[in-house]
Amino acid sequence: MTGRTYLAIPGPSVVPERVLNAMHRASPNIYEGEVVGMMDTLMADLRRVAMTRHNAAIYIANGHGAWEAANANLFSRGDKALQVATGTFGWGWASSAQRMGVDVEVLDCGKSGAADPALVAQRLRDDKEHSIKVLMVTHVDTASSAKNNVPAMRKALDEAGHPALLAVDAVASLGCDELRMDDWGIDLLVGASQKGLMMPPGLAFLWFSDKARQRCANGDLKTPYWDWEPRTVGAEFWLYFGGTAPTHHLFGMREALTMILDEEGLEKVWARHARLARSVWTAMDAWSAGNADIGLNIALPNARGHSVTAARLANGGAKRLRTWLETEAGVTLGVGLGMAKSDEPAYGDFFRIGHMGHVNAHMVLGVLASIEAGLTALDIPHGAGAVEAAAKAFGGA
């Protein structure tokens, strides 16, 4: 296809040219020199992006690997956890822990909104024996785009007088939505490189409080590779990674963190994502005006993540639209995850727009204009004025 194609899926996200260039080099010496010397500042900036003064660890893995690292360090076999699920990825983390021998109770809050903190608080109050060791919450579920109120989860724990640790999956929100680990009382945070951090897949991260580190020190699920302790201390360079370092990913991560933290600034990054998300939502509202076949998955704006938007286009319209966009416009949208099974007719009714990481107005507005062209070409009924409304929403009009 002539011209650039555009991947508007919710991860892996667009990798900046500067990050690609930082990675485009010969293999470095892993015993001394640049890659060894930058670890202190890299680890410090990983703590900055999570807004924590506590501990950080790097793994050569994706988000699923980050789940396993969290499980291995948080739990012993037979420990009990409460997982708050608002979509596919809440259930995914629960399944990961269950397969490792953790007794996970899932509080299923559906896939069309945020979890009700009152329900969580009541379940914690009912746990009179304090058998729940960890409360596990997905900040933004990549499948449903639901965003949970993490400070409210901390409040639920505190008001119930419950000692459980608060563990949060921030794979889809880190570097996109406001997230303040220490201020919000998060004990463990899970992240990965391929979304808001503007990197290819391959790096997984844990951030964990001193309380979590101390309380989980004797867990029996720890294995040599997943144990966070040597990665935190980094007494020798190789110990940060359990072996050979992911050298080129480290160079890229160093450049990405510089762009996020030192050049744009983290709070401005959050504000940019909020404006881009508002543009997408505004366009969806315009297309769905008077048409029940088109709509956002999450009705309430404050329950939507700023990195991804999940939407519905009934009667197989989403599948038709995704196919047209990829073949005719060079734009790839995300498939619906967990909204229907792949062998069900409704599977073709859902799509997702990723607007995370290295994105700006012309990229997102271009996707929206392409979607409108597709709706028109496919004779799918839709409301008018969506792109104009999206532009006004981004500009604050």
Protein backbone atom coordinates (compact mmCIF):
# COMPACT_ATOMS: atom_id res chain seq x y z
CA MET A 1 0.00 0.00 0.00
CA THR A 2 1.26 3.47 -0.91
CA GLY A 3 2.04 5.76 2.01
CA ARG A 4 2.45 4.98 5.68
CA THR A 5 0.19 2.51 7.40
CA TYR A 6 -1.01 3.22 10.92
CA LEU A 7 -1.50 0.75 13.75
CA ALA A 8 -4.32 2.11 15.93
CA ILE A 9 -4.50 -0.91 18.19
CA PRO A 10 -4.10 -0.71 21.99
CA GLY A 11 -0.53 -1.99 22.02
CA PRO A 12 2.04 -2.46 20.80
CA SER A 13 1.85 1.27 20.29
CA VAL A 14 3.75 3.60 17.99
CA VAL A 15 7.49 3.64 18.73
CA PRO A 16 9.08 7.09 18.27
CA GLU A 17 11.86 7.41 15.70
CA ARG A 18 14.15 8.61 18.48
CA VAL A 19 13.56 5.43 20.44
CA LEU A 20 14.13 3.26 17.37
CA ASN A 21 17.33 5.14 16.63
CA ALA A 22 18.52 4.70 20.21
CA MET A 23 18.07 0.95 19.79
CA HIS A 24 19.69 0.83 16.35
CA ARG A 25 23.29 0.14 17.32
CA ALA A 26 25.78 -2.66 17.65
CA SER A 27 25.66 -4.88 20.72
CA PRO A 28 27.40 -3.15 23.64
CA ASN A 29 29.82 -4.41 26.25
CA ILE A 30 27.71 -5.79 29.12
CA TYR A 31 30.54 -5.69 31.66
CA GLU A 32 31.34 -1.99 31.62
CA GLY A 33 30.57 1.16 29.72
CA GLU A 34 27.40 3.00 28.70
CA VAL A 35 24.69 0.40 29.28
CA VAL A 36 26.08 -0.51 32.71
CA GLY A 37 26.63 3.10 33.68
CA MET A 38 23.09 4.25 32.91
CA MET A 39 21.32 1.80 35.24
CA ASP A 40 21.18 4.12 38.25
CA THR A 41 19.38 6.85 36.33
CA LEU A 42 17.20 4.36 34.46
CA MET A 43 15.98 2.75 37.68
CA ALA A 44 15.42 6.17 39.23
CA ASP A 45 13.33 7.26 36.24
CA LEU A 46 11.30 4.07 36.30
CA ARG A 47 10.36 5.01 39.85
CA ARG A 48 9.54 8.55 38.66
CA VAL A 49 7.15 7.37 35.96
CA ALA A 50 5.25 5.30 38.55
CA MET A 51 5.50 8.15 41.05
CA THR A 52 7.07 6.06 43.79
CA ARG A 53 10.11 6.30 46.02
CA HIS A 54 10.02 2.55 46.60
CA ASN A 55 11.38 -0.43 44.67
CA ALA A 56 11.45 -1.30 40.97
CA ALA A 57 12.38 -4.44 39.05
CA ILE A 58 12.79 -5.15 35.32
CA TYR A 59 11.97 -8.46 33.63
CA ILE A 60 12.50 -9.61 30.05
CA ALA A 61 8.82 -10.36 29.44
CA ASN A 62 5.47 -8.95 28.36
CA GLY A 63 2.52 -8.04 30.58
CA HIS A 64 1.66 -11.68 31.18
CA GLY A 65 5.21 -12.16 32.42
CA ALA A 66 4.72 -9.19 34.73
CA TRP A 67 1.65 -10.93 36.19
CA GLU A 68 3.71 -14.05 36.82
CA ALA A 69 6.48 -12.02 38.43
CA ALA A 70 3.91 -10.35 40.70
CA ASN A 71 2.31 -13.67 41.62
CA ALA A 72 5.65 -15.33 42.32
CA ASN A 73 6.68 -12.62 44.76
CA LEU A 74 3.37 -11.76 46.40
CA PHE A 75 2.08 -15.22 47.25
CA SER A 76 2.73 -18.59 48.76
CA ARG A 77 0.77 -21.62 47.57
CA GLY A 78 -2.72 -21.58 49.00
CA ASP A 79 -2.77 -17.86 49.79
CA LYS A 80 -6.06 -16.12 49.06
CA ALA A 81 -6.52 -13.10 46.80
CA LEU A 82 -9.51 -11.02 45.76
CA GLN A 83 -9.43 -10.00 42.08
CA VAL A 84 -11.64 -7.12 40.94
CA ALA A 85 -12.46 -7.83 37.28
CA THR A 86 -13.91 -5.32 34.82
CA GLY A 87 -12.94 -7.12 31.63
CA THR A 88 -10.74 -9.77 30.06
CA PHE A 89 -7.49 -8.73 31.68
CA GLY A 90 -8.81 -8.84 35.22
CA TRP A 91 -9.84 -12.43 34.59
CA GLY A 92 -6.47 -13.05 32.93
CA TRP A 93 -4.49 -12.00 35.98
CA ALA A 94 -6.74 -14.10 38.20
CA SER A 95 -6.21 -17.14 35.97
CA SER A 96 -2.46 -16.64 36.01
CA ALA A 97 -2.41 -16.62 39.80
CA GLN A 98 -4.80 -19.57 40.07
CA ARG A 99 -2.56 -21.69 37.84
CA MET A 100 0.32 -20.97 40.22
CA GLY A 101 -1.61 -22.29 43.21
CA VAL A 102 -3.19 -19.10 44.56
CA ASP A 103 -6.79 -19.21 45.79
CA VAL A 104 -8.28 -16.34 43.79
CA GLU A 105 -11.83 -15.13 44.32
CA VAL A 106 -13.01 -13.03 41.41
CA LEU A 107 -15.39 -10.15 42.08
CA ASP A 108 -16.90 -9.88 38.61
CA CYS A 109 -18.03 -6.30 38.03
CA GLY A 110 -19.00 -6.84 34.40
CA LYS A 111 -17.34 -5.31 31.36
CA SER A 112 -19.32 -2.14 30.77
CA GLY A 113 -18.15 0.07 33.63
CA ALA A 114 -15.87 0.56 36.60
CA ALA A 115 -16.07 -1.56 39.73
CA ASP A 116 -18.26 -0.26 42.54
CA PRO A 117 -15.92 0.48 45.48
CA ALA A 118 -18.82 -0.15 47.87
CA LEU A 119 -19.02 -3.77 46.72
CA VAL A 120 -15.30 -4.18 47.25
CA ALA A 121 -15.52 -2.58 50.69
CA GLN A 122 -18.36 -4.90 51.70
CA ARG A 123 -16.44 -8.00 50.60
CA LEU A 124 -13.43 -6.84 52.61
CA ARG A 125 -15.59 -6.23 55.69
CA ASP A 126 -17.03 -9.72 55.30
CA ASP A 127 -13.52 -11.17 55.46
CA LYS A 128 -13.47 -11.23 59.26
CA GLU A 129 -10.50 -13.59 59.38
CA HIS A 130 -8.46 -11.39 57.03
CA SER A 131 -7.81 -14.40 54.83
CA ILE A 132 -7.44 -12.20 51.74
CA LYS A 133 -3.74 -11.42 51.40
CA VAL A 134 -3.91 -9.23 48.28
CA LEU A 135 -6.58 -7.10 46.60
CA MET A 136 -5.84 -7.21 42.86
CA VAL A 137 -7.24 -4.48 40.61
CA THR A 138 -6.84 -3.63 36.93
CA HIS A 139 -6.49 0.14 36.59
CA VAL A 140 -7.52 0.22 32.91
CA ASP A 141 -8.66 -3.00 31.26
CA THR A 142 -7.31 -3.04 27.71
CA ALA A 143 -10.25 -5.09 26.47
CA SER A 144 -13.23 -3.23 27.93
CA SER A 145 -11.47 0.16 28.36
CA ALA A 146 -12.99 0.37 31.85
CA LYS A 147 -10.97 2.44 34.34
CA ASN A 148 -11.20 1.64 38.04
CA ASN A 149 -10.92 4.18 40.83
CA VAL A 150 -7.73 3.01 42.52
CA PRO A 151 -7.77 5.56 45.38
CA ALA A 152 -11.28 4.33 46.21
CA MET A 153 -9.92 0.79 46.44
CA ARG A 154 -7.29 1.97 48.89
CA LYS A 155 -10.02 3.73 50.87
CA ALA A 156 -12.10 0.55 50.93
CA LEU A 157 -9.17 -1.35 52.43
CA ASP A 158 -8.45 1.33 55.00
CA GLU A 159 -12.04 1.85 56.09
CA ALA A 160 -12.53 -1.90 56.45
CA GLY A 161 -9.38 -2.05 58.56
CA HIS A 162 -8.16 -4.79 56.24
CA PRO A 163 -4.43 -5.53 56.03
CA ALA A 164 -4.43 -6.88 52.45
CA LEU A 165 -1.88 -5.47 50.05
CA LEU A 166 -3.19 -3.45 47.10
CA ALA A 167 -1.82 -4.71 43.76
CA VAL A 168 -2.65 -2.83 40.54
CA ASP A 169 -2.23 -3.81 36.90
CA ALA A 170 -1.21 -0.61 35.11
CA VAL A 171 -0.08 -2.13 31.81
CA ALA A 172 -2.68 -0.14 29.83
CA SER A 173 -2.63 3.03 31.93
CA LEU A 174 0.99 3.77 32.83
CA GLY A 175 2.13 6.86 30.96
CA CYS A 176 -1.43 7.58 29.79
CA ASP A 177 -3.76 8.03 32.76
CA GLU A 178 -2.97 9.80 36.00
CA LEU A 179 -1.36 7.26 38.31
CA ARG A 180 0.37 8.02 41.61
CA MET A 181 1.63 4.87 43.27
CA ASP A 182 2.69 6.26 46.63
CA ASP A 183 -0.01 8.91 46.96
CA TRP A 184 -2.69 6.31 46.18
CA GLY A 185 -1.33 3.74 48.61
CA ILE A 186 -0.52 1.10 45.99
CA ASP A 187 1.68 -1.72 47.28
CA LEU A 188 2.49 -3.33 43.95
CA LEU A 189 2.23 -2.01 40.41
CA VAL A 190 2.48 -4.08 37.24
CA GLY A 191 3.62 -2.50 33.96
CA ALA A 192 5.05 -3.28 30.53
CA SER A 193 6.97 -1.43 27.84
CA GLN A 194 4.69 -1.67 24.80
CA LYS A 195 1.89 0.79 25.51
CA GLY A 196 2.20 4.20 27.17
CA LEU A 197 5.96 3.81 27.56
CA MET A 198 6.36 3.92 23.75
CA MET A 199 8.55 0.85 23.40
CA PRO A 200 8.32 -2.52 21.63
CA PRO A 201 7.11 -5.44 23.74
CA GLY A 202 9.81 -7.14 25.75
CA LEU A 203 10.20 -5.38 29.09
CA ALA A 204 7.95 -5.98 32.09
CA PHE A 205 8.13 -3.98 35.30
CA LEU A 206 7.17 -4.34 38.94
CA TRP A 207 7.12 -1.50 41.43
CA PHE A 208 6.53 -2.53 45.03
CA SER A 209 6.40 -0.88 48.42
CA ASP A 210 8.74 -1.64 51.28
CA LYS A 211 5.73 -3.09 53.09
CA ALA A 212 5.11 -5.57 50.27
CA ARG A 213 8.79 -6.41 50.09
CA GLN A 214 8.96 -7.20 53.79
CA ARG A 215 5.63 -8.99 54.09
CA CYS A 216 6.29 -11.25 51.09
CA ALA A 217 9.94 -12.00 51.83
CA ASN A 218 9.33 -15.66 52.68
CA GLY A 219 6.87 -16.58 49.93
CA ASP A 220 7.29 -20.08 48.56
CA LEU A 221 6.39 -19.28 44.94
CA LYS A 222 9.66 -17.44 44.33
CA THR A 223 12.00 -18.99 41.79
CA PRO A 224 15.51 -17.80 40.89
CA TYR A 225 14.37 -15.97 37.75
CA TRP A 226 11.21 -14.31 39.07
CA ASP A 227 12.54 -13.33 42.52
CA TRP A 228 12.42 -9.53 42.71
CA GLU A 229 15.08 -9.18 45.41
CA PRO A 230 18.30 -9.44 43.34
CA ARG A 231 16.71 -7.30 40.60
CA THR A 232 15.95 -4.57 43.12
CA VAL A 233 19.39 -4.46 44.67
CA GLY A 234 21.35 -5.00 41.46
CA ALA A 235 24.57 -5.79 43.31
CA GLU A 236 25.98 -6.85 39.94
CA PHE A 237 24.70 -5.66 36.56
CA TRP A 238 23.46 -9.07 35.38
CA LEU A 239 21.37 -9.51 38.52
CA TYR A 240 19.00 -6.74 37.39
CA PHE A 241 17.85 -9.12 34.63
CA GLY A 242 18.45 -12.62 35.96
CA GLY A 243 21.10 -13.06 33.28
CA THR A 244 22.07 -11.30 30.06
CA ALA A 245 20.67 -7.79 29.86
CA PRO A 246 18.08 -6.74 27.23
CA THR A 247 20.63 -4.20 26.03
CA HIS A 248 18.83 -2.60 23.10
CA HIS A 249 15.55 -2.37 24.97
CA LEU A 250 17.41 -0.56 27.76
CA PHE A 251 18.77 2.02 25.33
CA GLY A 252 15.28 2.54 23.93
CA MET A 253 13.72 2.74 27.38
CA ARG A 254 16.26 5.33 28.42
CA GLU A 255 15.27 7.54 25.45
CA ALA A 256 11.53 7.02 26.00
CA LEU A 257 11.72 7.99 29.67
CA THR A 258 13.68 11.11 28.77
CA MET A 259 10.93 12.12 26.35
CA ILE A 260 8.15 11.43 28.86
CA LEU A 261 9.67 12.79 32.06
CA ASP A 262 12.18 15.45 31.12
CA GLU A 263 10.88 16.90 27.86
CA GLU A 264 7.09 16.73 27.82
CA GLY A 265 6.59 16.11 31.54
CA LEU A 266 4.41 13.38 33.02
CA GLU A 267 1.42 15.56 33.91
CA LYS A 268 1.40 17.03 30.40
CA VAL A 269 1.51 13.50 29.01
CA TRP A 270 -1.59 12.68 31.07
CA ALA A 271 -3.32 15.85 29.83
CA ARG A 272 -2.52 15.03 26.18
CA HIS A 273 -4.02 11.57 26.53
CA ALA A 274 -7.13 13.02 28.16
CA ARG A 275 -7.66 15.41 25.24
CA LEU A 276 -7.12 12.68 22.65
CA ALA A 277 -9.52 10.36 24.46
CA ARG A 278 -12.11 13.14 24.63
CA SER A 279 -11.81 13.59 20.86
CA VAL A 280 -12.46 9.91 20.22
CA TRP A 281 -15.43 9.81 22.60
CA THR A 282 -16.91 12.94 21.03
CA ALA A 283 -16.70 11.41 17.54
CA MET A 284 -18.33 8.21 18.77
CA ASP A 285 -21.13 10.21 20.36
CA ALA A 286 -21.76 12.00 17.06
CA TRP A 287 -21.78 8.79 15.01
CA SER A 288 -24.15 7.12 17.47
CA ALA A 289 -26.66 9.99 17.59
CA GLY A 290 -30.07 8.44 16.94
CA ASN A 291 -28.46 5.07 16.13
CA ALA A 292 -28.46 2.31 18.72
CA ASP A 293 -26.18 0.14 16.55
CA ILE A 294 -23.14 2.32 17.32
CA GLY A 295 -21.88 3.08 20.79
CA LEU A 296 -19.11 3.26 23.34
CA ASN A 297 -18.65 0.26 25.59
CA ILE A 298 -18.33 2.39 28.73
CA ALA A 299 -21.18 4.83 29.27
CA LEU A 300 -19.67 7.06 31.99
CA PRO A 301 -16.68 9.21 30.93
CA ASN A 302 -14.97 8.99 34.33
CA ALA A 303 -15.00 5.19 34.03
CA ARG A 304 -13.14 5.18 30.69
CA GLY A 305 -9.40 4.84 30.28
CA HIS A 306 -7.50 7.49 28.34
CA SER A 307 -5.38 5.01 26.40
CA VAL A 308 -7.97 2.88 24.58
CA THR A 309 -11.60 3.13 23.57
CA ALA A 310 -13.77 0.03 23.19
CA ALA A 311 -16.81 0.41 20.97
CA ARG A 312 -19.64 -1.49 19.30
CA LEU A 313 -20.87 -1.48 15.71
CA ALA A 314 -23.71 -3.99 15.47
CA ASN A 315 -24.61 -6.58 12.83
CA GLY A 316 -21.01 -7.38 12.03
CA GLY A 317 -20.31 -3.74 11.23
CA ALA A 318 -17.13 -3.62 13.31
CA LYS A 319 -15.53 -6.47 11.38
CA ARG A 320 -16.51 -4.95 8.06
CA LEU A 321 -15.17 -1.58 9.13
CA ARG A 322 -11.87 -3.00 10.37
CA THR A 323 -11.39 -4.89 7.11
CA TRP A 324 -12.16 -1.83 4.97
CA LEU A 325 -9.85 0.39 7.00
CA GLU A 326 -6.94 -2.01 6.76
CA THR A 327 -7.26 -2.72 3.05
CA GLU A 328 -8.38 0.69 1.79
CA ALA A 329 -7.00 3.24 4.27
CA GLY A 330 -3.95 1.56 5.80
CA VAL A 331 -5.40 1.88 9.32
CA THR A 332 -5.57 -1.11 11.66
CA LEU A 333 -8.07 -1.03 14.52
CA GLY A 334 -8.06 -3.42 17.46
CA VAL A 335 -10.40 -6.39 17.59
CA GLY A 336 -12.90 -6.73 20.39
CA LEU A 337 -11.58 -8.87 23.23
CA GLY A 338 -13.85 -10.72 25.62
CA MET A 339 -17.05 -9.10 24.41
CA ALA A 340 -18.11 -12.22 22.51
CA LYS A 341 -16.49 -15.54 21.66
CA SER A 342 -14.63 -15.73 18.37
CA ASP A 343 -17.09 -18.30 16.98
CA GLU A 344 -20.17 -16.22 17.86
CA PRO A 345 -21.79 -13.87 15.30
CA ALA A 346 -21.51 -10.95 17.77
CA TYR A 347 -17.70 -11.24 17.70
CA GLY A 348 -17.78 -9.04 14.61
CA ASP A 349 -19.65 -6.30 16.44
CA PHE A 350 -16.76 -4.89 18.50
CA PHE A 351 -13.60 -2.90 17.89
CA ARG A 352 -11.08 -0.86 19.83
CA ILE A 353 -9.14 2.31 19.06
CA GLY A 354 -5.75 2.65 20.68
CA HIS A 355 -4.65 6.22 21.47
CA MET A 356 -1.69 5.61 23.73
CA GLY A 357 1.92 6.64 23.89
CA HIS A 358 3.53 8.50 20.98
CA VAL A 359 0.31 9.92 19.50
CA ASN A 360 -0.91 13.42 18.76
CA ALA A 361 -3.94 15.18 17.30
CA HIS A 362 -3.24 14.63 13.62
CA MET A 363 -2.74 10.89 14.19
CA VAL A 364 -5.97 10.43 16.15
CA LEU A 365 -8.03 12.80 14.02
CA GLY A 366 -6.71 10.99 10.96
CA VAL A 367 -7.96 7.68 12.35
CA LEU A 368 -11.36 9.22 13.07
CA ALA A 369 -11.59 10.68 9.55
CA SER A 370 -10.68 7.27 8.12
CA ILE A 371 -13.37 5.62 10.23
CA GLU A 372 -15.93 8.09 8.92
CA ALA A 373 -14.81 7.36 5.37
CA GLY A 374 -15.24 3.66 6.06
CA LEU A 375 -18.71 4.09 7.53
CA THR A 376 -19.70 6.06 4.45
CA ALA A 377 -18.16 3.63 1.97
CA LEU A 378 -19.85 0.67 3.65
CA ASP A 379 -23.24 2.43 3.83
CA ILE A 380 -23.33 2.02 7.60
CA PRO A 381 -25.78 4.57 9.03
CA HIS A 382 -24.12 7.09 11.31
CA GLY A 383 -24.58 10.60 12.62
CA ALA A 384 -22.92 13.57 10.96
CA GLY A 385 -20.24 16.01 12.11
CA ALA A 386 -18.11 13.60 14.10
CA VAL A 387 -14.68 14.68 12.92
CA GLU A 388 -15.47 18.38 13.30
CA ALA A 389 -16.78 17.72 16.82
CA ALA A 390 -13.67 15.71 17.66
CA ALA A 391 -11.43 18.54 16.49
CA LYS A 392 -13.33 21.00 18.66
CA ALA A 393 -13.12 18.65 21.63
CA PHE A 394 -9.37 18.36 21.28
CA GLY A 395 -8.98 22.10 20.96
CA GLY A 396 -11.10 22.71 24.03
CA ALA A 397 -13.92 24.39 22.13
